[in-house]
C-alpha atoms as a PDB file:
ATOM      1  CA  MET A   1     142.844  11.704 123.696  1.00  0.00           C
ATOM      2  CA  THR A   2     145.565  13.799 121.304  1.00  0.00           C
ATOM      3  CA  ASP A   3     145.652  12.999 117.479  1.00  0.00           C
ATOM      4  CA  PRO A   4     146.876   9.996 116.106  1.00  0.00           C
ATOM      5  CA  ASN A   5     147.610  12.772 112.839  1.00  0.00           C
ATOM      6  CA  GLY A   6     149.171  14.825 114.693  1.00  0.00           C
ATOM      7  CA  PRO A   7     148.458  18.271 115.819  1.00  0.00           C
ATOM      8  CA  THR A   8     146.357  20.674 114.190  1.00  0.00           C
ATOM      9  CA  GLN A   9     148.924  23.170 111.644  1.00  0.00           C
ATOM     10  CA  PRO A  10     147.241  26.474 111.345  1.00  0.00           C
ATOM     11  CA  ALA A  11     146.614  27.766 107.979  1.00  0.00           C
ATOM     12  CA  VAL A  12     149.292  30.679 107.520  1.00  0.00           C
ATOM     13  CA  PRO A  13     147.186  33.600 104.916  1.00  0.00           C
ATOM     14  CA  GLY A  14     147.925  33.620 101.309  1.00  0.00           C
ATOM     15  CA  GLN A  15     149.146  28.874 100.993  1.00  0.00           C
ATOM     16  CA  PRO A  16     146.401  26.731 100.660  1.00  0.00           C
ATOM     17  CA  THR A  17     144.907  24.251 103.001  1.00  0.00           C
ATOM     18  CA  ASP A  18     145.599  20.366 103.465  1.00  0.00           C
ATOM     19  CA  ALA A  19     141.851  20.518 102.031  1.00  0.00           C
ATOM     20  CA  ALA A  20     142.067  21.754  98.297  1.00  0.00           C
ATOM     21  CA  GLU A  21     145.817  20.308  98.580  1.00  0.00           C
ATOM     22  CA  SER A  22     145.054  16.795  99.305  1.00  0.00           C
ATOM     23  CA  PRO A  23     142.372  14.990  96.384  1.00  0.00           C
ATOM     24  CA  GLU A  24     142.074  12.247  98.748  1.00  0.00           C
ATOM     25  CA  SER A  25     140.254  13.974 101.092  1.00  0.00           C
ATOM     26  CA  ALA A  26     138.058  15.574  99.015  1.00  0.00           C
ATOM     27  CA  VAL A  27     137.103  12.365  96.719  1.00  0.00           C
ATOM     28  CA  THR A  28     136.615  10.900  99.943  1.00  0.00           C
ATOM     29  CA  SER A  29     134.794  14.384 101.357  1.00  0.00           C
ATOM     30  CA  ASP A  30     131.868  13.502  98.465  1.00  0.00           C
ATOM     31  CA  ALA A  31     132.507   9.404  98.853  1.00  0.00           C
ATOM     32  CA  ALA A  32     131.039   9.745 102.416  1.00  0.00           C
ATOM     33  CA  ALA A  33     128.275  12.252 101.867  1.00  0.00           C
ATOM     34  CA  ASP A  34     127.370  10.461  98.833  1.00  0.00           C
ATOM     35  CA  ASP A  35     127.048   7.644 101.380  1.00  0.00           C
ATOM     36  CA  VAL A  36     124.206   9.254 103.388  1.00  0.00           C
ATOM     37  CA  THR A  37     120.547   8.525 103.665  1.00  0.00           C
ATOM     38  CA  PRO A  38     117.249   9.931 102.961  1.00  0.00           C
ATOM     39  CA  ALA A  39     116.592   9.353 106.320  1.00  0.00           C
ATOM     40  CA  ASP A  40     119.682  10.429 107.632  1.00  0.00           C
ATOM     41  CA  ALA A  41     119.340  13.614 106.261  1.00  0.00           C
ATOM     42  CA  ASP A  42     115.577  14.330 107.220  1.00  0.00           C
ATOM     43  CA  GLY A  43     117.511  13.692 110.914  1.00  0.00           C
ATOM     44  CA  ALA A  44     119.874  16.509 110.043  1.00  0.00           C
ATOM     45  CA  ALA A  45     117.719  19.022 108.930  1.00  0.00           C
ATOM     46  CA  GLU A  46     115.315  18.421 111.848  1.00  0.00           C
ATOM     47  CA  ALA A  47     118.019  18.866 114.360  1.00  0.00           C
ATOM     48  CA  SER A  48     118.920  22.113 112.457  1.00  0.00           C
ATOM     49  CA  GLU A  49     116.083  23.153 113.093  1.00  0.00           C
ATOM     50  CA  THR A  50     115.235  22.684 116.634  1.00  0.00           C
ATOM     51  CA  GLN A  51     118.861  23.557 117.387  1.00  0.00           C
ATOM     52  CA  ALA A  52     117.734  27.415 115.284  1.00  0.00           C
ATOM     53  CA  SER A  53     114.861  27.511 117.927  1.00  0.00           C
ATOM     54  CA  GLU A  54     116.096  27.215 120.400  1.00  0.00           C
ATOM     55  CA  THR A  55     119.025  29.511 120.101  1.00  0.00           C
ATOM     56  CA  GLN A  56     116.012  32.407 119.115  1.00  0.00           C
ATOM     57  CA  THR A  57     115.838  34.685 121.840  1.00  0.00           C
ATOM     58  CA  PRO A  58     111.936  35.387 123.097  1.00  0.00           C
ATOM     59  CA  GLU A  59     112.062  39.493 121.366  1.00  0.00           C
ATOM     60  CA  ALA A  60     112.600  37.894 118.339  1.00  0.00           C
ATOM     61  CA  GLN A  61     110.326  36.079 118.529  1.00  0.00           C
ATOM     62  CA  THR A  62     106.724  38.039 120.317  1.00  0.00           C
ATOM     63  CA  PRO A  63     106.877  40.142 116.847  1.00  0.00           C
ATOM     64  CA  ALA A  64     106.747  37.333 114.974  1.00  0.00           C
ATOM     65  CA  ALA A  65     103.704  36.451 117.019  1.00  0.00           C
ATOM     66  CA  GLU A  66     101.963  39.393 116.913  1.00  0.00           C
ATOM     67  CA  THR A  67     101.537  40.017 113.704  1.00  0.00           C
ATOM     68  CA  ASP A  68      99.916  36.002 113.037  1.00  0.00           C
ATOM     69  CA  PHE A  69      97.324  37.014 116.154  1.00  0.00           C
ATOM     70  CA  GLU A  70      96.423  39.644 114.973  1.00  0.00           C
ATOM     71  CA  GLY A  71      93.005  40.789 113.772  1.00  0.00           C
ATOM     72  CA  PRO A  72      91.460  43.307 111.345  1.00  0.00           C
ATOM     73  CA  ARG A  73      89.661  45.042 113.845  1.00  0.00           C
ATOM     74  CA  ARG A  74      93.618  46.001 115.435  1.00  0.00           C
ATOM     75  CA  ARG A  75      95.333  45.860 111.814  1.00  0.00           C
ATOM     76  CA  ALA A  76      92.617  48.534 111.131  1.00  0.00           C
ATOM     77  CA  ARG A  77      92.739  50.315 114.559  1.00  0.00           C
ATOM     78  CA  ARG A  78      96.231  50.946 113.888  1.00  0.00           C
ATOM     79  CA  GLU A  79      96.286  51.683 110.455  1.00  0.00           C
ATOM     80  CA  ARG A  80      94.272  54.667 111.878  1.00  0.00           C
ATOM     81  CA  GLU A  81      96.540  55.033 114.018  1.00  0.00           C
ATOM     82  CA  GLU A  82      98.559  55.857 112.014  1.00  0.00           C
ATOM     83  CA  ARG A  83      96.403  57.726 109.410  1.00  0.00           C
ATOM     84  CA  ARG A  84      96.110  60.329 112.721  1.00  0.00           C
ATOM     85  CA  ALA A  85     100.351  60.050 113.055  1.00  0.00           C
ATOM     86  CA  ALA A  86     100.721  61.391 109.553  1.00  0.00           C
ATOM     87  CA  GLN A  87      98.354  64.293 109.567  1.00  0.00           C
ATOM     88  CA  ALA A  88      99.503  65.438 111.987  1.00  0.00           C
ATOM     89  CA  ARG A  89     103.206  65.335 111.149  1.00  0.00           C
ATOM     90  CA  ALA A  90     102.038  67.332 107.718  1.00  0.00           C
ATOM     91  CA  MET A  91     100.097  69.469 110.902  1.00  0.00           C
ATOM     92  CA  ALA A  92     102.818  70.331 112.085  1.00  0.00           C
ATOM     93  CA  ILE A  93     104.829  70.905 109.135  1.00  0.00           C
ATOM     94  CA  GLU A  94     102.553  73.013 107.034  1.00  0.00           C
ATOM     95  CA  GLU A  95     101.677  75.021 110.068  1.00  0.00           C
ATOM     96  CA  ALA A  96     105.890  75.420 111.122  1.00  0.00           C
ATOM     97  CA  ARG A  97     105.792  76.727 107.057  1.00  0.00           C
ATOM     98  CA  ARG A  98     103.019  79.529 107.542  1.00  0.00           C
ATOM     99  CA  ALA A  99     104.833  80.591 110.940  1.00  0.00           C
ATOM    100  CA  ALA A 100     108.801  80.391 109.104  1.00  0.00           C
ATOM    101  CA  LYS A 101     106.529  82.188 105.993  1.00  0.00           C
ATOM    102  CA  ARG A 102     105.424  84.920 108.152  1.00  0.00           C
ATOM    103  CA  ARG A 103     108.448  85.850 110.703  1.00  0.00           C
ATOM    104  CA  ALA A 104     110.111  86.214 106.090  1.00  0.00           C
ATOM    105  CA  THR A 105     107.431  88.289 105.741  1.00  0.00           C
ATOM    106  CA  GLY A 106     107.952  90.465 108.970  1.00  0.00           C
ATOM    107  CA  THR A 107     104.145  89.944 109.477  1.00  0.00           C
ATOM    108  CA  ASP A 108     101.449  89.909 112.724  1.00  0.00           C
ATOM    109  CA  ASP A 109     101.773  86.442 114.075  1.00  0.00           C
ATOM    110  CA  THR A 110      98.759  87.975 115.895  1.00  0.00           C
ATOM    111  CA  LYS A 111      95.248  84.929 115.834  1.00  0.00           C
ATOM    112  CA  LYS A 112      93.277  85.867 112.008  1.00  0.00           C
ATOM    113  CA  LEU A 113      89.256  86.644 113.226  1.00  0.00           C
ATOM    114  CA  GLY A 114      87.142  83.120 112.773  1.00  0.00           C
ATOM    115  CA  ARG A 115      84.539  82.816 110.240  1.00  0.00           C
ATOM    116  CA  GLY A 116      81.709  84.212 112.769  1.00  0.00           C
ATOM    117  CA  ALA A 117      83.548  86.640 113.766  1.00  0.00           C
ATOM    118  CA  VAL A 118      84.284  87.866 109.985  1.00  0.00           C
ATOM    119  CA  ARG A 119      80.762  87.184 109.265  1.00  0.00           C
ATOM    120  CA  GLY A 120      79.436  88.982 112.043  1.00  0.00           C
ATOM    121  CA  LEU A 121      81.374  92.216 110.866  1.00  0.00           C
ATOM    122  CA  LYS A 122      80.135  92.251 107.526  1.00  0.00           C
ATOM    123  CA  ALA A 123      76.475  91.871 108.855  1.00  0.00           C
ATOM    124  CA  LEU A 124      77.735  95.068 110.292  1.00  0.00           C
ATOM    125  CA  MET A 125      78.517  97.008 108.037  1.00  0.00           C
ATOM    126  CA  TRP A 126      75.611  95.716 105.839  1.00  0.00           C
ATOM    127  CA  SER A 127      73.593  97.392 108.904  1.00  0.00           C
ATOM    128  CA  ALA A 128      74.752 100.194 109.157  1.00  0.00           C
ATOM    129  CA  LEU A 129      74.747 100.786 105.523  1.00  0.00           C
ATOM    130  CA  ILE A 130      70.888 100.092 105.051  1.00  0.00           C
ATOM    131  CA  SER A 131      70.310 102.636 107.635  1.00  0.00           C
ATOM    132  CA  VAL A 132      72.618 105.461 106.463  1.00  0.00           C
ATOM    133  CA  ILE A 133      71.663 105.002 102.804  1.00  0.00           C
ATOM    134  CA  VAL A 134      67.209 104.294 104.587  1.00  0.00           C
ATOM    135  CA  VAL A 135      67.794 107.770 106.482  1.00  0.00           C
ATOM    136  CA  GLY A 136      69.645 109.939 104.115  1.00  0.00           C
ATOM    137  CA  LEU A 137      66.280 108.696 101.281  1.00  0.00           C
ATOM    138  CA  GLY A 138      63.801 109.724 104.617  1.00  0.00           C
ATOM    139  CA  LEU A 139      65.408 113.399 104.463  1.00  0.00           C
ATOM    140  CA  LEU A 140      65.173 113.149 101.240  1.00  0.00           C
ATOM    141  CA  LEU A 141      61.967 112.730 100.766  1.00  0.00           C
ATOM    142  CA  TYR A 142      60.563 114.952 103.979  1.00  0.00           C
ATOM    143  CA  PHE A 143      63.096 118.052 102.960  1.00  0.00           C
ATOM    144  CA  THR A 144      61.739 117.657  99.195  1.00  0.00           C
ATOM    145  CA  PRO A 145      59.843 118.282  96.641  1.00  0.00           C
ATOM    146  CA  ILE A 146      60.077 114.569  94.772  1.00  0.00           C
ATOM    147  CA  MET A 147      57.086 112.911  97.034  1.00  0.00           C
ATOM    148  CA  SER A 148      54.924 115.743  97.455  1.00  0.00           C
ATOM    149  CA  ALA A 149      51.252 116.812  97.125  1.00  0.00           C
ATOM    150  CA  ARG A 150      50.087 117.471  93.981  1.00  0.00           C
ATOM    151  CA  ASN A 151      47.028 115.764  93.804  1.00  0.00           C
ATOM    152  CA  ILE A 152      44.006 115.865  96.639  1.00  0.00           C
ATOM    153  CA  VAL A 153      41.878 113.132  96.467  1.00  0.00           C
ATOM    154  CA  VAL A 154      37.760 113.421  97.563  1.00  0.00           C
ATOM    155  CA  VAL A 155      35.774 110.560  97.787  1.00  0.00           C
ATOM    156  CA  GLY A 156      32.924 109.628  99.371  1.00  0.00           C
ATOM    157  CA  LEU A 157      30.911 112.785  98.980  1.00  0.00           C
ATOM    158  CA  GLY A 158      26.703 113.417  98.993  1.00  0.00           C
ATOM    159  CA  VAL A 159      26.017 117.128 100.194  1.00  0.00           C
ATOM    160  CA  LEU A 160      28.968 118.142 100.114  1.00  0.00           C
ATOM    161  CA  THR A 161      30.994 119.182  97.189  1.00  0.00           C
ATOM    162  CA  GLN A 162      34.923 118.730  96.472  1.00  0.00           C
ATOM    163  CA  GLU A 163      35.559 122.657  97.187  1.00  0.00           C
ATOM    164  CA  GLU A 164      34.390 122.505 100.346  1.00  0.00           C
ATOM    165  CA  VAL A 165      36.001 119.669 101.487  1.00  0.00           C
ATOM    166  CA  THR A 166      39.975 120.732 100.132  1.00  0.00           C
ATOM    167  CA  ASN A 167      39.284 124.219 101.764  1.00  0.00           C
ATOM    168  CA  ALA A 168      39.276 122.035 105.244  1.00  0.00           C
ATOM    169  CA  VAL A 169      42.639 119.801 104.272  1.00  0.00           C
ATOM    170  CA  ALA A 170      43.837 122.844 102.936  1.00  0.00           C
ATOM    171  CA  VAL A 171      47.427 121.329 102.352  1.00  0.00           C
ATOM    172  CA  ALA A 172      48.823 123.133  99.949  1.00  0.00           C
ATOM    173  CA  PRO A 173      49.863 121.760  96.889  1.00  0.00           C
ATOM    174  CA  GLY A 174      53.745 120.533  97.091  1.00  0.00           C
ATOM    175  CA  THR A 175      53.694 119.711  99.901  1.00  0.00           C
ATOM    176  CA  PRO A 176      56.248 116.262 101.238  1.00  0.00           C
ATOM    177  CA  LEU A 177      53.636 114.357 101.640  1.00  0.00           C
ATOM    178  CA  LEU A 178      55.717 112.899 104.823  1.00  0.00           C
ATOM    179  CA  GLN A 179      55.247 116.306 106.678  1.00  0.00           C
ATOM    180  CA  VAL A 180      51.809 116.894 105.729  1.00  0.00           C
ATOM    181  CA  ASP A 181      50.366 115.216 109.483  1.00  0.00           C
ATOM    182  CA  THR A 182      47.156 112.985 108.204  1.00  0.00           C
ATOM    183  CA  ASP A 183      45.669 112.975 111.240  1.00  0.00           C
ATOM    184  CA  THR A 184      45.721 116.995 111.983  1.00  0.00           C
ATOM    185  CA  VAL A 185      44.096 116.864 108.058  1.00  0.00           C
ATOM    186  CA  ALA A 186      41.325 114.582 109.424  1.00  0.00           C
ATOM    187  CA  GLU A 187      40.287 116.849 112.303  1.00  0.00           C
ATOM    188  CA  ARG A 188      40.223 120.031 110.270  1.00  0.00           C
ATOM    189  CA  VAL A 189      37.828 117.512 107.849  1.00  0.00           C
ATOM    190  CA  ALA A 190      36.284 116.359 111.363  1.00  0.00           C
ATOM    191  CA  ALA A 191      34.555 119.128 111.672  1.00  0.00           C
ATOM    192  CA  ILE A 192      32.082 119.552 108.959  1.00  0.00           C
ATOM    193  CA  ARG A 193      29.194 119.241 110.395  1.00  0.00           C
ATOM    194  CA  ARG A 194      27.919 116.736 108.016  1.00  0.00           C
ATOM    195  CA  VAL A 195      30.748 114.788 108.301  1.00  0.00           C
ATOM    196  CA  ALA A 196      30.949 111.739 110.304  1.00  0.00           C
ATOM    197  CA  SER A 197      33.468 110.655 109.381  1.00  0.00           C
ATOM    198  CA  VAL A 198      36.837 110.744 107.752  1.00  0.00           C
ATOM    199  CA  ARG A 199      40.369 109.202 106.120  1.00  0.00           C
ATOM    200  CA  VAL A 200      42.546 111.113 104.935  1.00  0.00           C
ATOM    201  CA  GLN A 201      45.703 108.374 103.626  1.00  0.00           C
ATOM    202  CA  ARG A 202      48.909 109.157 101.297  1.00  0.00           C
ATOM    203  CA  GLU A 203      49.406 107.585  98.086  1.00  0.00           C
ATOM    204  CA  TYR A 204      52.548 107.721  96.558  1.00  0.00           C
ATOM    205  CA  PRO A 205      54.212 109.239  94.807  1.00  0.00           C
ATOM    206  CA  SER A 206      52.418 112.294  94.691  1.00  0.00           C
ATOM    207  CA  THR A 207      48.109 111.761  95.842  1.00  0.00           C
ATOM    208  CA  LEU A 208      46.323 112.634  98.947  1.00  0.00           C
ATOM    209  CA  ARG A 209      43.077 110.480  99.297  1.00  0.00           C
ATOM    210  CA  VAL A 210      40.352 111.904 101.543  1.00  0.00           C
ATOM    211  CA  THR A 211      37.210 109.641 101.905  1.00  0.00           C
ATOM    212  CA  VAL A 212      34.590 111.144 103.427  1.00  0.00           C
ATOM    213  CA  VAL A 213      31.311 109.620 105.424  1.00  0.00           C
ATOM    214  CA  GLU A 214      28.022 111.781 105.432  1.00  0.00           C
ATOM    215  CA  ARG A 215      25.493 111.850 108.031  1.00  0.00           C
ATOM    216  CA  VAL A 216      22.437 110.413 106.831  1.00  0.00           C
ATOM    217  CA  PRO A 217      19.072 112.643 108.015  1.00  0.00           C
ATOM    218  CA  VAL A 218      16.966 110.660 110.987  1.00  0.00           C
ATOM    219  CA  VAL A 219      14.430 112.825 111.903  1.00  0.00           C
ATOM    220  CA  VAL A 220      13.315 116.785 111.022  1.00  0.00           C
ATOM    221  CA  LYS A 221      12.806 119.165 113.867  1.00  0.00           C
ATOM    222  CA  ASP A 222      11.444 121.844 113.017  1.00  0.00           C
ATOM    223  CA  TYR A 223      12.987 125.812 114.210  1.00  0.00           C
ATOM    224  CA  PRO A 224      12.341 128.809 114.050  1.00  0.00           C
ATOM    225  CA  ASP A 225      15.343 129.151 111.351  1.00  0.00           C
ATOM    226  CA  GLY A 226      14.294 126.646 109.642  1.00  0.00           C
ATOM    227  CA  PRO A 227      13.886 122.867 110.200  1.00  0.00           C
ATOM    228  CA  HIS A 228      16.741 120.780 111.854  1.00  0.00           C
ATOM    229  CA  LEU A 229      18.155 118.182 109.925  1.00  0.00           C
ATOM    230  CA  PHE A 230      19.278 115.352 112.486  1.00  0.00           C
ATOM    231  CA  ASP A 231      21.595 111.297 112.302  1.00  0.00           C
ATOM    232  CA  ARG A 232      20.585 109.149 114.242  1.00  0.00           C
ATOM    233  CA  ASP A 233      23.231 110.067 117.155  1.00  0.00           C
ATOM    234  CA  GLY A 234      21.639 113.106 118.146  1.00  0.00           C
ATOM    235  CA  VAL A 235      23.406 116.001 115.981  1.00  0.00           C
ATOM    236  CA  ASP A 236      22.159 118.484 114.296  1.00  0.00           C
ATOM    237  CA  PHE A 237      24.149 118.416 111.659  1.00  0.00           C
ATOM    238  CA  ALA A 238      22.477 121.133 109.419  1.00  0.00           C
ATOM    239  CA  VAL A 239      20.501 123.251 108.548  1.00  0.00           C
ATOM    240  CA  ALA A 240      18.293 122.498 105.247  1.00  0.00           C
ATOM    241  CA  PRO A 241      14.846 120.869 103.740  1.00  0.00           C
ATOM    242  CA  PRO A 242      14.484 117.375 105.157  1.00  0.00           C
ATOM    243  CA  PRO A 243      14.827 114.654 101.924  1.00  0.00           C
ATOM    244  CA  PRO A 244      12.131 112.702 101.439  1.00  0.00           C
ATOM    245  CA  GLY A 245      10.314 110.004 103.851  1.00  0.00           C
ATOM    246  CA  VAL A 246      12.237 112.366 106.849  1.00  0.00           C
ATOM    247  CA  PRO A 247       9.367 112.242 110.128  1.00  0.00           C
ATOM    248  CA  TYR A 248       9.371 114.356 112.073  1.00  0.00           C
ATOM    249  CA  LEU A 249      10.521 115.634 115.924  1.00  0.00           C
ATOM    250  CA  ASP A 250       7.870 116.385 118.781  1.00  0.00           C
ATOM    251  CA  THR A 251       9.943 115.969 121.969  1.00  0.00           C
ATOM    252  CA  THR A 252      11.526 118.764 123.932  1.00  0.00           C
ATOM    253  CA  ASN A 253      15.045 119.650 123.908  1.00  0.00           C
ATOM    254  CA  PRO A 254      16.293 117.211 120.923  1.00  0.00           C
ATOM    255  CA  GLY A 255      19.425 116.378 121.697  1.00  0.00           C
ATOM    256  CA  PRO A 256      22.396 113.098 121.382  1.00  0.00           C
ATOM    257  CA  ASN A 257      21.674 113.869 124.983  1.00  0.00           C
ATOM    258  CA  ASP A 258      18.592 114.695 125.273  1.00  0.00           C
ATOM    259  CA  PRO A 259      16.540 110.728 126.367  1.00  0.00           C
ATOM    260  CA  PRO A 260      13.660 111.172 125.160  1.00  0.00           C
ATOM    261  CA  THR A 261      15.376 111.792 121.799  1.00  0.00           C
ATOM    262  CA  LYS A 262      18.026 109.103 121.886  1.00  0.00           C
ATOM    263  CA  ALA A 263      14.979 106.865 122.305  1.00  0.00           C
ATOM    264  CA  ALA A 264      12.797 108.005 119.905  1.00  0.00           C
ATOM    265  CA  LEU A 265      16.536 107.701 117.699  1.00  0.00           C
ATOM    266  CA  GLU A 266      16.629 103.892 118.689  1.00  0.00           C
ATOM    267  CA  VAL A 267      13.273 103.262 117.686  1.00  0.00           C
ATOM    268  CA  MET A 268      13.475 104.269 114.031  1.00  0.00           C
ATOM    269  CA  THR A 269      16.370 102.324 113.558  1.00  0.00           C
ATOM    270  CA  SER A 270      14.925  99.527 114.459  1.00  0.00           C
ATOM    271  CA  LEU A 271      11.818  99.859 112.442  1.00  0.00           C
ATOM    272  CA  ARG A 272      12.486  97.959 109.194  1.00  0.00           C
ATOM    273  CA  PRO A 273      12.679 100.257 105.672  1.00  0.00           C
ATOM    274  CA  GLU A 274       8.862  99.763 104.511  1.00  0.00           C
ATOM    275  CA  VAL A 275       7.878 100.354 108.248  1.00  0.00           C
ATOM    276  CA  ALA A 276      10.076 104.046 107.865  1.00  0.00           C
ATOM    277  CA  ALA A 277       8.764 104.721 105.594  1.00  0.00           C
ATOM    278  CA  GLN A 278       4.865 105.541 106.559  1.00  0.00           C
ATOM    279  CA  VAL A 279       6.000 107.498 109.677  1.00  0.00           C
ATOM    280  CA  ALA A 280       5.121 110.844 109.395  1.00  0.00           C
ATOM    281  CA  ARG A 281       5.970 111.488 113.060  1.00  0.00           C
ATOM    282  CA  VAL A 282       7.695 110.207 116.577  1.00  0.00           C
ATOM    283  CA  ASP A 283       6.342 111.718 119.498  1.00  0.00           C
ATOM    284  CA  ALA A 284       8.436 110.864 122.608  1.00  0.00           C
ATOM    285  CA  PRO A 285       7.156 113.480 125.625  1.00  0.00           C
ATOM    286  CA  SER A 286       9.803 111.082 127.442  1.00  0.00           C
ATOM    287  CA  VAL A 287      11.646 107.933 126.681  1.00  0.00           C
ATOM    288  CA  ALA A 288       8.141 105.843 128.269  1.00  0.00           C
ATOM    289  CA  GLY A 289       5.885 107.649 125.663  1.00  0.00           C
ATOM    290  CA  ILE A 290       7.246 106.939 122.745  1.00  0.00           C
ATOM    291  CA  THR A 291       4.213 107.113 119.543  1.00  0.00           C
ATOM    292  CA  LEU A 292       4.414 107.097 115.580  1.00  0.00           C
ATOM    293  CA  GLN A 293       1.522 108.894 113.761  1.00  0.00           C
ATOM    294  CA  LEU A 294       2.272 107.175 110.507  1.00  0.00           C
ATOM    295  CA  THR A 295       0.975 109.193 106.501  1.00  0.00           C
ATOM    296  CA  ASP A 296      -1.767 107.425 106.008  1.00  0.00           C
ATOM    297  CA  GLY A 297      -3.088 108.773 110.175  1.00  0.00           C
ATOM    298  CA  ARG A 298      -2.662 104.998 111.908  1.00  0.00           C
ATOM    299  CA  GLN A 299      -0.783 105.308 115.276  1.00  0.00           C
ATOM    300  CA  VAL A 300       1.585 103.767 116.541  1.00  0.00           C
ATOM    301  CA  ILE A 301       1.627 103.398 120.404  1.00  0.00           C
ATOM    302  CA  TRP A 302       5.109 101.750 121.320  1.00  0.00           C
ATOM    303  CA  GLY A 303       5.955 103.088 124.557  1.00  0.00           C
ATOM    304  CA  THR A 304       9.535 102.270 126.028  1.00  0.00           C
ATOM    305  CA  THR A 305      12.407 101.553 124.405  1.00  0.00           C
ATOM    306  CA  ASP A 306      12.666  97.773 125.877  1.00  0.00           C
ATOM    307  CA  ARG A 307      12.390  94.749 123.088  1.00  0.00           C
ATOM    308  CA  THR A 308      12.781  97.072 120.706  1.00  0.00           C
ATOM    309  CA  GLU A 309      14.281  94.996 118.338  1.00  0.00           C
ATOM    310  CA  GLU A 310      10.890  91.837 119.136  1.00  0.00           C
ATOM    311  CA  LYS A 311       7.948  95.503 118.626  1.00  0.00           C
ATOM    312  CA  ALA A 312       9.624  96.141 115.444  1.00  0.00           C
ATOM    313  CA  LEU A 313       8.811  92.412 114.502  1.00  0.00           C
ATOM    314  CA  LYS A 314       5.387  92.741 116.138  1.00  0.00           C
ATOM    315  CA  LEU A 315       4.450  96.078 114.453  1.00  0.00           C
ATOM    316  CA  ALA A 316       5.039  95.168 110.763  1.00  0.00           C
ATOM    317  CA  ALA A 317       2.996  91.570 111.084  1.00  0.00           C
ATOM    318  CA  LEU A 318       0.486  94.323 112.829  1.00  0.00           C
ATOM    319  CA  LEU A 319       0.378  96.803 109.832  1.00  0.00           C
ATOM    320  CA  THR A 320      -1.460  94.257 107.753  1.00  0.00           C
ATOM    321  CA  GLN A 321      -4.353  93.800 109.562  1.00  0.00           C
ATOM    322  CA  PRO A 322      -6.973  96.494 108.511  1.00  0.00           C
ATOM    323  CA  GLY A 323      -7.214  99.580 112.218  1.00  0.00           C
ATOM    324  CA  LYS A 324      -6.824 102.882 113.777  1.00  0.00           C
ATOM    325  CA  THR A 325      -4.264 102.052 116.794  1.00  0.00           C
ATOM    326  CA  TYR A 326      -1.549  99.153 116.896  1.00  0.00           C
ATOM    327  CA  ASP A 327      -0.512  98.664 120.167  1.00  0.00           C
ATOM    328  CA  VAL A 328       3.038  96.879 120.676  1.00  0.00           C
ATOM    329  CA  SER A 329       4.039  98.035 123.992  1.00  0.00           C
ATOM    330  CA  SER A 330       3.548  95.032 125.224  1.00  0.00           C
ATOM    331  CA  PRO A 331       5.253  92.440 122.530  1.00  0.00           C
ATOM    332  CA  ASP A 332       3.490  89.689 124.509  1.00  0.00           C
ATOM    333  CA  LEU A 333       0.554  90.915 123.772  1.00  0.00           C
ATOM    334  CA  PRO A 334      -0.402  93.105 120.987  1.00  0.00           C
ATOM    335  CA  THR A 335      -3.684  94.404 119.966  1.00  0.00           C
ATOM    336  CA  VAL A 336      -5.085  96.619 116.940  1.00  0.00           C
ATOM    337  CA  LYS A 337      -7.713  98.914 117.362  1.00  0.00           C
END
């Protein structure tokens, strides 16, 4: 259909349009707008919204839908990924900055040692330093008289004198303590017959301590050159008058390896002190024929060394009874005559 008003004239730039030139048309349009009812306005709005939603593409609708349905877990995961990405970018920037600095200063681009390697090197250096110090200190003490033997202390002496033991020690004053062989010194002191055992110790800074245990006489035997003292091991350690209360031994060949001597000493060391003090002589012609002669003339028939402890207990009880001969050779049937 043709427009009853005729063909539309194109607008010329710079010239006013018909709407601007016709006040009546503007008034008419305003009046038409005033005649629109509220229902018509609502319908027009709904129509415009429907048209707008139809014109939107799926690509435009997807981000909004994802935003509307993004839960707290997905949001937290997304934020973590964003933080990690930002941290990675920061680290990359920092590494690039360091690389540029190294290139600018001309330093080597080799990898630095890790902390563990540095700690290991430090520990190795300290160990080497301590070893050097210890070795140096040891050499200093070994070859110089800083810690030398200026005093020799001897303890445990009874019959022996300080001079006898010191002469056996034979350590020159001023000798570094580290150069003193304590085992060799102990062997020299142990060569003294009266010494049962000896211990030699260094006491820094300048003392050598010698602890002596002397032999104790258990029996004595007469020889042409005088009485010989024997200890509990059968060692003939001295020629001297016997101390009071030491009994005489009557055997053929006394010594540490003689069976009758060993049997007699075993009997004497098993007696109670109050009984041993009453023994004047021990006769040991054989291992099975041991007899004891008491100071008051009584006699004890001991027999063998079997059940020696039991015999010693029975004898202590029997000696409280009057008699001349006490037989404990059979401890199950001791007799008094």
